């Protein structure tokens, strides 16, 4: 019910934003007319969609992400300016599931020319926990809730990421068929990098001492599923969800019983819950990055999807072999 209320509020806010935009300035103007005329205009939602699109586009498109660096995408909502970008886009790329505002935005900012791609379309999705679930069974199954929601984090499985890249390539070819050979060449090259990343994960994780890892939130179900691991989340899919005292006690008991040495927390989220559990059991904390957005530090260090996924692998290998 809370999720339905949030989606309704987002729909109303998006419609109001578009009305204000149209009343204030009529048809939106491109940021750079020369650039917009020469290249495909691609609007993406958040970082993985931006990075995958950028890799496929190469120099043939202007690719932008609506959700800025450092912003948490689960509850982000578009402004009137963002709606103008959606309306004027040649291609609009979104993951699906995580961006609850997209359907309303596309309906309000309608366009006959725009090609829309839901990159996760056709993928087999996993259930993630939305509300708390009591008992050891929750830990054994990687669940933290009695009410389950569709898990959006498909991009954290390099195998599924390849399929998202292929879906984006198909959209680019539809929008700009004259350059389809270049889009395919770019996509094939990036998919080869993702295949190498997948192989690195399989090799690095095949002989770890334990397969269970504790995370602050349930963002890593696809990664765990792909490589035979078990995610044990303290809280559910939403970064806003905080565990009850009873849930915290269960996690502490589980971590002690399984001699967990590392409690993982995510970027863009307050790590206090993970630190509390770690302090209680004498463990350390470390970062697993769900790649929902780059931080300014990531950008300064020249990190991208593959670079951060390699850092995630290093952190997992260390934790699971401790």
Foldseek 3Di string as FASTA:
>chain_A
DVVVVLLVVLLVQLLVQQVVLCVPPNQDDDPDVVQPVQAAEEEEAFALQQVLLCLLCPPRHDYDYQAAFLDQQQNDHGGSVRLSSVLPHQEYEYQPDSHSNVVSSCVNSDYPRHQYFNLCPPPDWDKWADAADDDPVCQVQQHGHPDIDTARLQCLQLVSSLSSSVRSLVSVCVSPVVCSVSSVVSSVVVNVVSVVLNVVLQVLQVDFQAQEAEEQESNCPNVSVSRVHHYRYLHIHDLPDDHDPNSLVVVLVVCLVVVQQEYEYEPSHDCPSSVVSCVVNVHYYDYQYSSRRHHPVCVVVVHGDSNSSVVNSVVVSVRRRD
